[in-house]
C-alpha atoms as a PDB file:
ATOM      1  CA  MET A   1       1.298  55.162  19.794  1.00  0.00           C
ATOM      2  CA  ILE A   2      -2.588  54.087  20.371  1.00  0.00           C
ATOM      3  CA  GLY A   3      -3.583  55.812  17.239  1.00  0.00           C
ATOM      4  CA  VAL A   4      -1.043  53.973  15.529  1.00  0.00           C
ATOM      5  CA  ALA A   5      -1.917  50.582  16.833  1.00  0.00           C
ATOM      6  CA  ARG A   6      -5.673  51.608  16.343  1.00  0.00           C
ATOM      7  CA  GLY A   7      -5.014  51.715  12.899  1.00  0.00           C
ATOM      8  CA  ARG A   8      -2.866  48.740  12.656  1.00  0.00           C
ATOM      9  CA  VAL A   9      -5.978  46.643  13.776  1.00  0.00           C
ATOM     10  CA  ALA A  10      -8.160  48.478  11.399  1.00  0.00           C
ATOM     11  CA  ILE A  11      -6.391  48.034   8.699  1.00  0.00           C
ATOM     12  CA  GLY A  12      -5.627  44.302   9.326  1.00  0.00           C
ATOM     13  CA  VAL A  13      -9.278  43.648   9.427  1.00  0.00           C
ATOM     14  CA  ALA A  14     -10.130  45.265   6.219  1.00  0.00           C
ATOM     15  CA  ALA A  15      -6.904  43.548   4.687  1.00  0.00           C
ATOM     16  CA  PHE A  16      -7.941  40.142   6.010  1.00  0.00           C
ATOM     17  CA  ALA A  17     -11.203  40.421   5.481  1.00  0.00           C
ATOM     18  CA  LEU A  18     -11.052  41.695   1.553  1.00  0.00           C
ATOM     19  CA  PRO A  19      -7.663  41.030   0.289  1.00  0.00           C
ATOM     20  CA  GLY A  20      -8.198  41.963  -3.717  1.00  0.00           C
ATOM     21  CA  LEU A  21      -9.876  44.913  -2.503  1.00  0.00           C
ATOM     22  CA  THR A  22      -7.135  46.353  -0.156  1.00  0.00           C
ATOM     23  CA  VAL A  23      -4.411  45.258  -2.717  1.00  0.00           C
ATOM     24  CA  LYS A  24      -6.588  46.896  -5.793  1.00  0.00           C
ATOM     25  CA  LEU A  25      -6.831  50.350  -3.657  1.00  0.00           C
ATOM     26  CA  MET A  26      -3.068  50.190  -2.603  1.00  0.00           C
ATOM     27  CA  GLY A  27      -2.239  50.152  -6.618  1.00  0.00           C
ATOM     28  CA  MET A  28      -0.713  46.907  -6.765  1.00  0.00           C
ATOM     29  CA  GLY A  29      -3.416  44.393  -8.961  1.00  0.00           C
ATOM     30  CA  GLY A  30      -6.755  43.795  -9.355  1.00  0.00           C
ATOM     31  CA  GLY A  31      -9.036  40.780 -10.334  1.00  0.00           C
ATOM     32  CA  SER A  32      -8.715  37.142  -8.391  1.00  0.00           C
ATOM     33  CA  ASP A  33      -4.982  36.008  -7.613  1.00  0.00           C
ATOM     34  CA  ALA A  34      -5.010  33.196  -4.655  1.00  0.00           C
ATOM     35  CA  GLY A  35      -1.237  33.840  -3.805  1.00  0.00           C
ATOM     36  CA  ARG A  36      -1.625  37.547  -3.793  1.00  0.00           C
ATOM     37  CA  ASP A  37      -4.727  37.398  -1.428  1.00  0.00           C
ATOM     38  CA  TYR A  38      -2.929  34.571   0.965  1.00  0.00           C
ATOM     39  CA  VAL A  39       0.285  36.836   1.539  1.00  0.00           C
ATOM     40  CA  THR A  40      -2.279  39.747   2.159  1.00  0.00           C
ATOM     41  CA  ARG A  41      -3.997  38.357   4.573  1.00  0.00           C
ATOM     42  CA  MET A  42      -0.586  37.149   6.338  1.00  0.00           C
ATOM     43  CA  PHE A  43       0.464  41.081   6.417  1.00  0.00           C
ATOM     44  CA  ALA A  44      -2.967  41.502   8.059  1.00  0.00           C
ATOM     45  CA  ALA A  45      -2.393  39.012  10.532  1.00  0.00           C
ATOM     46  CA  ARG A  46       0.440  40.790  11.564  1.00  0.00           C
ATOM     47  CA  GLU A  47      -0.913  44.197  11.561  1.00  0.00           C
ATOM     48  CA  ILE A  48      -3.361  42.761  13.839  1.00  0.00           C
ATOM     49  CA  ALA A  49      -1.381  41.338  16.015  1.00  0.00           C
ATOM     50  CA  LEU A  50       0.997  44.110  16.389  1.00  0.00           C
ATOM     51  CA  GLY A  51      -2.054  46.936  17.077  1.00  0.00           C
ATOM     52  CA  ALA A  52      -3.577  44.183  19.508  1.00  0.00           C
ATOM     53  CA  GLY A  53      -0.367  43.779  21.211  1.00  0.00           C
ATOM     54  CA  TYR A  54       0.296  46.986  21.697  1.00  0.00           C
ATOM     55  CA  LEU A  55      -3.079  47.996  22.646  1.00  0.00           C
ATOM     56  CA  LEU A  56      -4.039  45.034  25.488  1.00  0.00           C
ATOM     57  CA  SER A  57      -0.048  45.611  27.220  1.00  0.00           C
ATOM     58  CA  LYS A  58       1.066  47.595  29.788  1.00  0.00           C
ATOM     59  CA  GLY A  59       4.343  49.157  30.914  1.00  0.00           C
ATOM     60  CA  PRO A  60       7.505  47.047  30.047  1.00  0.00           C
ATOM     61  CA  ASN A  61       5.468  44.658  27.653  1.00  0.00           C
ATOM     62  CA  ARG A  62       3.980  47.813  25.920  1.00  0.00           C
ATOM     63  CA  ARG A  63       7.478  49.093  25.163  1.00  0.00           C
ATOM     64  CA  LEU A  64       8.521  45.696  23.769  1.00  0.00           C
ATOM     65  CA  TRP A  65       5.423  45.905  21.244  1.00  0.00           C
ATOM     66  CA  ALA A  66       6.520  49.680  20.364  1.00  0.00           C
ATOM     67  CA  ARG A  67       9.987  48.053  19.641  1.00  0.00           C
ATOM     68  CA  LEU A  68       9.091  45.335  17.682  1.00  0.00           C
ATOM     69  CA  GLY A  69       6.602  47.865  15.643  1.00  0.00           C
ATOM     70  CA  LEU A  70       9.358  50.007  14.926  1.00  0.00           C
ATOM     71  CA  VAL A  71      11.260  46.685  13.482  1.00  0.00           C
ATOM     72  CA  VAL A  72       8.684  45.656  11.464  1.00  0.00           C
ATOM     73  CA  ASP A  73       7.664  49.504   9.750  1.00  0.00           C
ATOM     74  CA  SER A  74      11.616  50.613   9.493  1.00  0.00           C
ATOM     75  CA  LEU A  75      11.855  46.690   7.316  1.00  0.00           C
ATOM     76  CA  ASP A  76       8.978  47.908   5.627  1.00  0.00           C
ATOM     77  CA  THR A  77      10.072  51.120   4.552  1.00  0.00           C
ATOM     78  CA  VAL A  78      13.255  49.393   3.378  1.00  0.00           C
ATOM     79  CA  ASN A  79      11.182  47.469   1.388  1.00  0.00           C
ATOM     80  CA  GLY A  80       9.399  50.189  -0.300  1.00  0.00           C
ATOM     81  CA  LEU A  81      12.341  51.877  -1.244  1.00  0.00           C
ATOM     82  CA  LYS A  82      13.643  48.610  -3.106  1.00  0.00           C
ATOM     83  CA  SER A  83      10.497  48.555  -4.717  1.00  0.00           C
ATOM     84  CA  ARG A  84      11.269  52.107  -6.799  1.00  0.00           C
ATOM     85  CA  GLY A  85      11.494  51.489 -10.455  1.00  0.00           C
ATOM     86  CA  ARG A  86       9.358  48.382 -10.206  1.00  0.00           C
ATOM     87  CA  LEU A  87       5.917  50.001  -9.045  1.00  0.00           C
ATOM     88  CA  PRO A  88       4.437  53.056 -10.363  1.00  0.00           C
ATOM     89  CA  LEU A  89       5.783  56.062  -8.225  1.00  0.00           C
ATOM     90  CA  TRP A  90       2.790  57.065  -6.288  1.00  0.00           C
ATOM     91  CA  VAL A  91       2.529  53.484  -5.424  1.00  0.00           C
ATOM     92  CA  THR A  92       5.978  53.537  -3.759  1.00  0.00           C
ATOM     93  CA  ALA A  93       5.558  56.848  -2.321  1.00  0.00           C
ATOM     94  CA  GLY A  94       2.648  55.936  -0.508  1.00  0.00           C
ATOM     95  CA  ALA A  95       3.842  52.706   1.002  1.00  0.00           C
ATOM     96  CA  VAL A  96       7.056  54.308   1.857  1.00  0.00           C
ATOM     97  CA  GLY A  97       5.074  57.263   3.084  1.00  0.00           C
ATOM     98  CA  VAL A  98       2.816  55.419   5.292  1.00  0.00           C
ATOM     99  CA  ALA A  99       5.555  52.996   6.687  1.00  0.00           C
ATOM    100  CA  GLY A 100       7.757  55.844   7.072  1.00  0.00           C
ATOM    101  CA  GLY A 101       5.605  57.948   8.763  1.00  0.00           C
ATOM    102  CA  THR A 102       4.553  55.267  10.980  1.00  0.00           C
ATOM    103  CA  ALA A 103       8.540  54.401  11.911  1.00  0.00           C
ATOM    104  CA  ALA A 104       9.173  57.921  12.708  1.00  0.00           C
ATOM    105  CA  VAL A 105       6.319  57.620  15.342  1.00  0.00           C
ATOM    106  CA  GLY A 106       7.369  54.069  17.090  1.00  0.00           C
ATOM    107  CA  ALA A 107      11.021  55.726  16.788  1.00  0.00           C
ATOM    108  CA  ALA A 108       9.798  59.037  18.907  1.00  0.00           C
ATOM    109  CA  LYS A 109       8.385  56.656  21.535  1.00  0.00           C
ATOM    110  CA  VAL A 110      10.871  54.078  21.272  1.00  0.00           C
ATOM    111  CA  GLY A 111      13.337  57.049  21.657  1.00  0.00           C
ATOM    112  CA  ARG A 112      11.119  58.646  24.429  1.00  0.00           C
ATOM    113  CA  ASP A 113      11.143  55.120  26.866  1.00  0.00           C
ATOM    114  CA  LEU A 114      14.639  55.015  26.469  1.00  0.00           C
ATOM    115  CA  LEU A 115      15.553  58.320  27.869  1.00  0.00           C
ATOM    116  CA  ARG A 116      13.420  57.805  30.787  1.00  0.00           C
END
């Protein structure tokens, strides 16, 4: 989970600083688009907050941040699946793979916390 949280912060900082490049690398468009850049920065802020919240917390608060991350990653996975057919297959597969993978890591952490 610490690796996931660090990755969230890194991706968030990169996406906030370079939203056009981030979207281009994800295969979701190129060129200049102020609305897309705004939404990308909103995503970036969310990732920075989730990652930093987990890294800066301890004990029960850290468990709460893990649960919040699981909810977000689960919703991202559903969103990726809903985009199937409207985005290139490799884009959808990549998005669902990353979101689903982090949701699985989060689910394992939350499950372990609940069993303690």
